[in-house]
Amino acid sequence: MKIQFDFKVLNVVEGNGVKSYIVQCSSENFRRVIKAQYDGSVYIPDYHQQLWDIQSHERTVLDIGLASFIIKNENRTV
């Protein structure tokens, strides 16, 4: 079974060299708003609290997909 997430940036705030993203992540049976930060690498604060109810495999796919999405977004804005 292939897991596919779609991502949509809802808000970005920049301060002290860090961009704080609010991103909507969704798939077939899942929708969640996740906070992430970018300072050259992607960090999800309160990772386990934000993703506590997702199975570990899906959480890993979501984590990698979200990081890739934010990095691609940053490369477009440079």
PDB file of N, CA and C in Angstrom:
ATOM      1  N   MET A   1       0.827  -1.178   0.000  1.00  0.00           N
ATOM      2  CA  MET A   1       0.000   0.000   0.000  1.00  0.00           C
ATOM      3  C   MET A   1       0.877   1.248   0.000  1.00  0.00           C
ATOM      4  N   LYS A   2       0.673   2.110  -0.973  1.00  0.00           N
ATOM      5  CA  LYS A   2       1.445   3.341  -1.080  1.00  0.00           C
ATOM      6  C   LYS A   2       0.777   4.442  -0.274  1.00  0.00           C
ATOM      7  N   ILE A   3       1.569   5.131   0.522  1.00  0.00           N
ATOM      8  CA  ILE A   3       1.069   6.243   1.317  1.00  0.00           C
ATOM      9  C   ILE A   3       1.474   7.534   0.624  1.00  0.00           C
ATOM     10  N   GLN A   4       0.505   8.358   0.307  1.00  0.00           N
ATOM     11  CA  GLN A   4       0.749   9.624  -0.397  1.00  0.00           C
ATOM     12  C   GLN A   4       0.146  10.754   0.430  1.00  0.00           C
ATOM     13  N   PHE A   5       0.950  11.735   0.777  1.00  0.00           N
ATOM     14  CA  PHE A   5       0.468  12.911   1.487  1.00  0.00           C
ATOM     15  C   PHE A   5       0.526  14.125   0.572  1.00  0.00           C
ATOM     16  N   ASP A   6      -0.445  14.994   0.724  1.00  0.00           N
ATOM     17  CA  ASP A   6      -0.450  16.283   0.037  1.00  0.00           C
ATOM     18  C   ASP A   6      -0.193  17.351   1.090  1.00  0.00           C
ATOM     19  N   PHE A   7       0.566  18.375   0.701  1.00  0.00           N
ATOM     20  CA  PHE A   7       0.945  19.424   1.632  1.00  0.00           C
ATOM     21  C   PHE A   7       0.532  20.784   1.089  1.00  0.00           C
ATOM     22  N   LYS A   8       0.095  21.655   1.988  1.00  0.00           N
ATOM     23  CA  LYS A   8      -0.293  23.008   1.622  1.00  0.00           C
ATOM     24  C   LYS A   8       0.182  23.952   2.726  1.00  0.00           C
ATOM     25  N   VAL A   9       0.956  24.961   2.346  1.00  0.00           N
ATOM     26  CA  VAL A   9       1.433  25.946   3.320  1.00  0.00           C
ATOM     27  C   VAL A   9       0.279  26.863   3.678  1.00  0.00           C
ATOM     28  N   LEU A  10      -0.024  26.943   4.971  1.00  0.00           N
ATOM     29  CA  LEU A  10      -1.070  27.835   5.449  1.00  0.00           C
ATOM     30  C   LEU A  10      -0.498  29.168   5.914  1.00  0.00           C
ATOM     31  N   ASN A  11       0.722  29.129   6.466  1.00  0.00           N
ATOM     32  CA  ASN A  11       1.336  30.357   6.972  1.00  0.00           C
ATOM     33  C   ASN A  11       2.838  30.138   7.145  1.00  0.00           C
ATOM     34  N   VAL A  12       3.611  31.198   6.939  1.00  0.00           N
ATOM     35  CA  VAL A  12       5.050  31.188   7.197  1.00  0.00           C
ATOM     36  C   VAL A  12       5.400  32.492   7.899  1.00  0.00           C
ATOM     37  N   VAL A  13       6.117  32.379   8.999  1.00  0.00           N
ATOM     38  CA  VAL A  13       6.577  33.550   9.746  1.00  0.00           C
ATOM     39  C   VAL A  13       8.079  33.402   9.923  1.00  0.00           C
ATOM     40  N   GLU A  14       8.819  34.486   9.643  1.00  0.00           N
ATOM     41  CA  GLU A  14      10.268  34.441   9.771  1.00  0.00           C
ATOM     42  C   GLU A  14      10.722  35.332  10.910  1.00  0.00           C
ATOM     43  N   GLY A  15      11.619  34.799  11.728  1.00  0.00           N
ATOM     44  CA  GLY A  15      12.176  35.571  12.829  1.00  0.00           C
ATOM     45  C   GLY A  15      13.439  34.926  13.359  1.00  0.00           C
ATOM     46  N   ASN A  16      14.467  35.726  13.619  1.00  0.00           N
ATOM     47  CA  ASN A  16      15.745  35.246  14.153  1.00  0.00           C
ATOM     48  C   ASN A  16      16.379  34.183  13.270  1.00  0.00           C
ATOM     49  N   GLY A  17      16.218  34.306  11.962  1.00  0.00           N
ATOM     50  CA  GLY A  17      16.834  33.367  11.035  1.00  0.00           C
ATOM     51  C   GLY A  17      16.121  32.032  10.913  1.00  0.00           C
ATOM     52  N   VAL A  18      14.947  31.923  11.520  1.00  0.00           N
ATOM     53  CA  VAL A  18      14.178  30.679  11.471  1.00  0.00           C
ATOM     54  C   VAL A  18      12.818  30.968  10.854  1.00  0.00           C
ATOM     55  N   LYS A  19      12.416  30.126   9.914  1.00  0.00           N
ATOM     56  CA  LYS A  19      11.076  30.243   9.346  1.00  0.00           C
ATOM     57  C   LYS A  19      10.182  29.220  10.030  1.00  0.00           C
ATOM     58  N   SER A  20       9.067  29.687  10.541  1.00  0.00           N
ATOM     59  CA  SER A  20       8.087  28.803  11.173  1.00  0.00           C
ATOM     60  C   SER A  20       6.940  28.583  10.193  1.00  0.00           C
ATOM     61  N   TYR A  21       6.759  27.347   9.816  1.00  0.00           N
ATOM     62  CA  TYR A  21       5.729  26.960   8.867  1.00  0.00           C
ATOM     63  C   TYR A  21       4.530  26.363   9.591  1.00  0.00           C
ATOM     64  N   ILE A  22       3.350  26.635   9.080  1.00  0.00           N
ATOM     65  CA  ILE A  22       2.150  25.901   9.451  1.00  0.00           C
ATOM     66  C   ILE A  22       1.664  25.272   8.151  1.00  0.00           C
ATOM     67  N   VAL A  23       1.653  23.939   8.125  1.00  0.00           N
ATOM     68  CA  VAL A  23       1.377  23.201   6.906  1.00  0.00           C
ATOM     69  C   VAL A  23       0.210  22.245   7.133  1.00  0.00           C
ATOM     70  N   GLN A  24      -0.712  22.225   6.185  1.00  0.00           N
ATOM     71  CA  GLN A  24      -1.785  21.231   6.218  1.00  0.00           C
ATOM     72  C   GLN A  24      -1.310  19.999   5.472  1.00  0.00           C
ATOM     73  N   CYS A  25      -1.340  18.861   6.141  1.00  0.00           N
ATOM     74  CA  CYS A  25      -0.956  17.587   5.545  1.00  0.00           C
ATOM     75  C   CYS A  25      -2.213  16.738   5.429  1.00  0.00           C
ATOM     76  N   SER A  26      -2.426  16.161   4.265  1.00  0.00           N
ATOM     77  CA  SER A  26      -3.618  15.345   4.094  1.00  0.00           C
ATOM     78  C   SER A  26      -3.335  14.162   3.191  1.00  0.00           C
ATOM     79  N   SER A  27      -4.107  13.118   3.409  1.00  0.00           N
ATOM     80  CA  SER A  27      -4.095  11.933   2.554  1.00  0.00           C
ATOM     81  C   SER A  27      -5.536  11.461   2.475  1.00  0.00           C
ATOM     82  N   GLU A  28      -5.718  10.262   1.992  1.00  0.00           N
ATOM     83  CA  GLU A  28      -7.069   9.749   1.776  1.00  0.00           C
ATOM     84  C   GLU A  28      -7.943   9.799   3.030  1.00  0.00           C
ATOM     85  N   ASN A  29      -7.423   9.341   4.156  1.00  0.00           N
ATOM     86  CA  ASN A  29      -8.211   9.286   5.400  1.00  0.00           C
ATOM     87  C   ASN A  29      -7.586  10.087   6.531  1.00  0.00           C
ATOM     88  N   PHE A  30      -6.836  11.129   6.186  1.00  0.00           N
ATOM     89  CA  PHE A  30      -6.061  11.828   7.197  1.00  0.00           C
ATOM     90  C   PHE A  30      -5.962  13.299   6.831  1.00  0.00           C
ATOM     91  N   ARG A  31      -6.101  14.160   7.814  1.00  0.00           N
ATOM     92  CA  ARG A  31      -5.858  15.586   7.618  1.00  0.00           C
ATOM     93  C   ARG A  31      -5.346  16.135   8.951  1.00  0.00           C
ATOM     94  N   ARG A  32      -4.254  16.877   8.874  1.00  0.00           N
ATOM     95  CA  ARG A  32      -3.658  17.418  10.090  1.00  0.00           C
ATOM     96  C   ARG A  32      -2.909  18.692   9.752  1.00  0.00           C
ATOM     97  N   VAL A  33      -2.939  19.647  10.654  1.00  0.00           N
ATOM     98  CA  VAL A  33      -2.132  20.859  10.540  1.00  0.00           C
ATOM     99  C   VAL A  33      -0.910  20.653  11.432  1.00  0.00           C
ATOM    100  N   ILE A  34       0.266  20.826  10.835  1.00  0.00           N
ATOM    101  CA  ILE A  34       1.515  20.560  11.546  1.00  0.00           C
ATOM    102  C   ILE A  34       2.380  21.812  11.537  1.00  0.00           C
ATOM    103  N   LYS A  35       2.995  22.072  12.671  1.00  0.00           N
ATOM    104  CA  LYS A  35       3.953  23.173  12.792  1.00  0.00           C
ATOM    105  C   LYS A  35       5.347  22.613  12.540  1.00  0.00           C
ATOM    106  N   ALA A  36       6.132  23.321  11.729  1.00  0.00           N
ATOM    107  CA  ALA A  36       7.506  22.923  11.449  1.00  0.00           C
ATOM    108  C   ALA A  36       8.371  24.169  11.372  1.00  0.00           C
ATOM    109  N   GLN A  37       9.667  23.982  11.561  1.00  0.00           N
ATOM    110  CA  GLN A  37      10.598  25.102  11.487  1.00  0.00           C
ATOM    111  C   GLN A  37      11.695  24.781  10.485  1.00  0.00           C
ATOM    112  N   TYR A  38      12.198  25.841   9.838  1.00  0.00           N
ATOM    113  CA  TYR A  38      13.275  25.672   8.867  1.00  0.00           C
ATOM    114  C   TYR A  38      14.368  26.693   9.148  1.00  0.00           C
ATOM    115  N   ASP A  39      15.596  26.205   9.370  1.00  0.00           N
ATOM    116  CA  ASP A  39      16.761  27.081   9.564  1.00  0.00           C
ATOM    117  C   ASP A  39      17.949  26.553   8.758  1.00  0.00           C
ATOM    118  N   GLY A  40      17.646  25.925   7.646  1.00  0.00           N
ATOM    119  CA  GLY A  40      18.656  25.225   6.845  1.00  0.00           C
ATOM    120  C   GLY A  40      18.368  23.738   6.861  1.00  0.00           C
ATOM    121  N   SER A  41      17.690  23.300   7.909  1.00  0.00           N
ATOM    122  CA  SER A  41      17.156  21.942   7.999  1.00  0.00           C
ATOM    123  C   SER A  41      15.752  22.045   8.592  1.00  0.00           C
ATOM    124  N   VAL A  42      14.986  20.991   8.413  1.00  0.00           N
ATOM    125  CA  VAL A  42      13.591  20.994   8.865  1.00  0.00           C
ATOM    126  C   VAL A  42      13.515  20.349  10.241  1.00  0.00           C
ATOM    127  N   TYR A  43      12.773  20.989  11.122  1.00  0.00           N
ATOM    128  CA  TYR A  43      12.573  20.501  12.489  1.00  0.00           C
ATOM    129  C   TYR A  43      11.087  20.586  12.809  1.00  0.00           C
ATOM    130  N   ILE A  44      10.536  19.529  13.384  1.00  0.00           N
ATOM    131  CA  ILE A  44       9.142  19.528  13.814  1.00  0.00           C
ATOM    132  C   ILE A  44       9.132  19.592  15.337  1.00  0.00           C
ATOM    133  N   PRO A  45       8.829  20.779  15.900  1.00  0.00           N
ATOM    134  CA  PRO A  45       8.783  20.875  17.365  1.00  0.00           C
ATOM    135  C   PRO A  45       7.638  20.033  17.919  1.00  0.00           C
ATOM    136  N   ASP A  46       7.838  19.516  19.101  1.00  0.00           N
ATOM    137  CA  ASP A  46       6.820  18.672  19.746  1.00  0.00           C
ATOM    138  C   ASP A  46       6.390  17.539  18.813  1.00  0.00           C
ATOM    139  N   TYR A  47       7.372  16.930  18.171  1.00  0.00           N
ATOM    140  CA  TYR A  47       7.143  15.896  17.151  1.00  0.00           C
ATOM    141  C   TYR A  47       6.161  14.832  17.619  1.00  0.00           C
ATOM    142  N   HIS A  48       6.431  14.238  18.773  1.00  0.00           N
ATOM    143  CA  HIS A  48       5.578  13.140  19.257  1.00  0.00           C
ATOM    144  C   HIS A  48       4.196  13.628  19.672  1.00  0.00           C
ATOM    145  N   GLN A  49       4.094  14.844  20.159  1.00  0.00           N
ATOM    146  CA  GLN A  49       2.780  15.374  20.524  1.00  0.00           C
ATOM    147  C   GLN A  49       1.940  15.678  19.288  1.00  0.00           C
ATOM    148  N   GLN A  50       2.575  16.187  18.223  1.00  0.00           N
ATOM    149  CA  GLN A  50       1.833  16.517  17.009  1.00  0.00           C
ATOM    150  C   GLN A  50       1.421  15.266  16.233  1.00  0.00           C
ATOM    151  N   LEU A  51       2.231  14.208  16.326  1.00  0.00           N
ATOM    152  CA  LEU A  51       1.995  13.016  15.502  1.00  0.00           C
ATOM    153  C   LEU A  51       1.772  11.760  16.344  1.00  0.00           C
ATOM    154  N   TRP A  52       1.313  11.911  17.547  1.00  0.00           N
ATOM    155  CA  TRP A  52       1.213  10.797  18.491  1.00  0.00           C
ATOM    156  C   TRP A  52       0.288   9.679  18.030  1.00  0.00           C
ATOM    157  N   ASP A  53      -0.751   9.990  17.284  1.00  0.00           N
ATOM    158  CA  ASP A  53      -1.756   8.987  16.954  1.00  0.00           C
ATOM    159  C   ASP A  53      -1.568   8.367  15.574  1.00  0.00           C
ATOM    160  N   ILE A  54      -0.425   8.615  14.947  1.00  0.00           N
ATOM    161  CA  ILE A  54      -0.143   8.070  13.621  1.00  0.00           C
ATOM    162  C   ILE A  54       0.809   6.882  13.777  1.00  0.00           C
ATOM    163  N   GLN A  55       0.563   5.813  13.043  1.00  0.00           N
ATOM    164  CA  GLN A  55       1.443   4.647  13.098  1.00  0.00           C
ATOM    165  C   GLN A  55       2.850   5.044  12.667  1.00  0.00           C
ATOM    166  N   SER A  56       3.846   4.357  13.192  1.00  0.00           N
ATOM    167  CA  SER A  56       5.239   4.760  12.981  1.00  0.00           C
ATOM    168  C   SER A  56       5.624   4.795  11.502  1.00  0.00           C
ATOM    169  N   HIS A  57       5.150   3.842  10.706  1.00  0.00           N
ATOM    170  CA  HIS A  57       5.478   3.842   9.273  1.00  0.00           C
ATOM    171  C   HIS A  57       4.899   5.080   8.588  1.00  0.00           C
ATOM    172  N   GLU A  58       3.649   5.387   8.857  1.00  0.00           N
ATOM    173  CA  GLU A  58       3.015   6.564   8.268  1.00  0.00           C
ATOM    174  C   GLU A  58       3.675   7.851   8.775  1.00  0.00           C
ATOM    175  N   ARG A  59       4.070   7.851  10.036  1.00  0.00           N
ATOM    176  CA  ARG A  59       4.734   9.021  10.619  1.00  0.00           C
ATOM    177  C   ARG A  59       6.073   9.276   9.915  1.00  0.00           C
ATOM    178  N   THR A  60       6.804   8.212   9.616  1.00  0.00           N
ATOM    179  CA  THR A  60       8.081   8.340   8.917  1.00  0.00           C
ATOM    180  C   THR A  60       7.878   8.879   7.508  1.00  0.00           C
ATOM    181  N   VAL A  61       6.881   8.352   6.790  1.00  0.00           N
ATOM    182  CA  VAL A  61       6.583   8.823   5.437  1.00  0.00           C
ATOM    183  C   VAL A  61       6.159  10.290   5.474  1.00  0.00           C
ATOM    184  N   LEU A  62       5.329  10.647   6.450  1.00  0.00           N
ATOM    185  CA  LEU A  62       4.885  12.038   6.604  1.00  0.00           C
ATOM    186  C   LEU A  62       6.067  12.954   6.910  1.00  0.00           C
ATOM    187  N   ASP A  63       6.928  12.539   7.801  1.00  0.00           N
ATOM    188  CA  ASP A  63       8.102  13.320   8.199  1.00  0.00           C
ATOM    189  C   ASP A  63       9.004  13.590   6.991  1.00  0.00           C
ATOM    190  N   ILE A  64       9.318  12.566   6.229  1.00  0.00           N
ATOM    191  CA  ILE A  64      10.186  12.706   5.061  1.00  0.00           C
ATOM    192  C   ILE A  64       9.511  13.566   3.988  1.00  0.00           C
ATOM    193  N   GLY A  65       8.231  13.319   3.755  1.00  0.00           N
ATOM    194  CA  GLY A  65       7.494  14.090   2.755  1.00  0.00           C
ATOM    195  C   GLY A  65       7.401  15.559   3.115  1.00  0.00           C
ATOM    196  N   LEU A  66       7.132  15.844   4.388  1.00  0.00           N
ATOM    197  CA  LEU A  66       7.034  17.229   4.844  1.00  0.00           C
ATOM    198  C   LEU A  66       8.384  17.940   4.724  1.00  0.00           C
ATOM    199  N   ALA A  67       9.454  17.276   5.129  1.00  0.00           N
ATOM    200  CA  ALA A  67      10.789  17.868   5.015  1.00  0.00           C
ATOM    201  C   ALA A  67      11.119  18.157   3.551  1.00  0.00           C
ATOM    202  N   SER A  68      10.841  17.222   2.666  1.00  0.00           N
ATOM    203  CA  SER A  68      11.105  17.422   1.238  1.00  0.00           C
ATOM    204  C   SER A  68      10.289  18.587   0.687  1.00  0.00           C
ATOM    205  N   PHE A  69       9.021  18.672   1.091  1.00  0.00           N
ATOM    206  CA  PHE A  69       8.141  19.747   0.636  1.00  0.00           C
ATOM    207  C   PHE A  69       8.676  21.112   1.067  1.00  0.00           C
ATOM    208  N   ILE A  70       9.076  21.232   2.320  1.00  0.00           N
ATOM    209  CA  ILE A  70       9.579  22.518   2.831  1.00  0.00           C
ATOM    210  C   ILE A  70      10.899  22.884   2.157  1.00  0.00           C
ATOM    211  N   ILE A  71      11.790  21.926   1.982  1.00  0.00           N
ATOM    212  CA  ILE A  71      13.073  22.206   1.333  1.00  0.00           C
ATOM    213  C   ILE A  71      12.853  22.644  -0.117  1.00  0.00           C
ATOM    214  N   LYS A  72      11.965  21.973  -0.823  1.00  0.00           N
ATOM    215  CA  LYS A  72      11.654  22.388  -2.201  1.00  0.00           C
ATOM    216  C   LYS A  72      11.050  23.791  -2.218  1.00  0.00           C
ATOM    217  N   ASN A  73      10.186  24.075  -1.262  1.00  0.00           N
ATOM    218  CA  ASN A  73       9.593  25.414  -1.160  1.00  0.00           C
ATOM    219  C   ASN A  73      10.665  26.468  -0.904  1.00  0.00           C
ATOM    220  N   GLU A  74      11.617  26.165  -0.050  1.00  0.00           N
ATOM    221  CA  GLU A  74      12.701  27.096   0.250  1.00  0.00           C
ATOM    222  C   GLU A  74      13.589  27.307  -0.965  1.00  0.00           C
ATOM    223  N   ASN A  75      13.858  26.251  -1.715  1.00  0.00           N
ATOM    224  CA  ASN A  75      14.708  26.382  -2.912  1.00  0.00           C
ATOM    225  C   ASN A  75      14.029  27.229  -3.982  1.00  0.00           C
ATOM    226  N   ARG A  76      12.709  27.235  -4.017  1.00  0.00           N
ATOM    227  CA  ARG A  76      11.977  28.070  -4.973  1.00  0.00           C
ATOM    228  C   ARG A  76      12.054  29.543  -4.608  1.00  0.00           C
ATOM    229  N   THR A  77      12.143  29.833  -3.307  1.00  0.00           N
ATOM    230  CA  THR A  77      12.116  31.232  -2.855  1.00  0.00           C
ATOM    231  C   THR A  77      13.502  31.865  -2.811  1.00  0.00           C
ATOM    232  N   VAL A  78      14.540  31.080  -2.999  1.00  0.00           N
ATOM    233  CA  VAL A  78      15.909  31.617  -2.913  1.00  0.00           C
ATOM    234  C   VAL A  78      16.242  32.400  -4.151  1.00  0.00           C
TER     235      VAL A  78
END
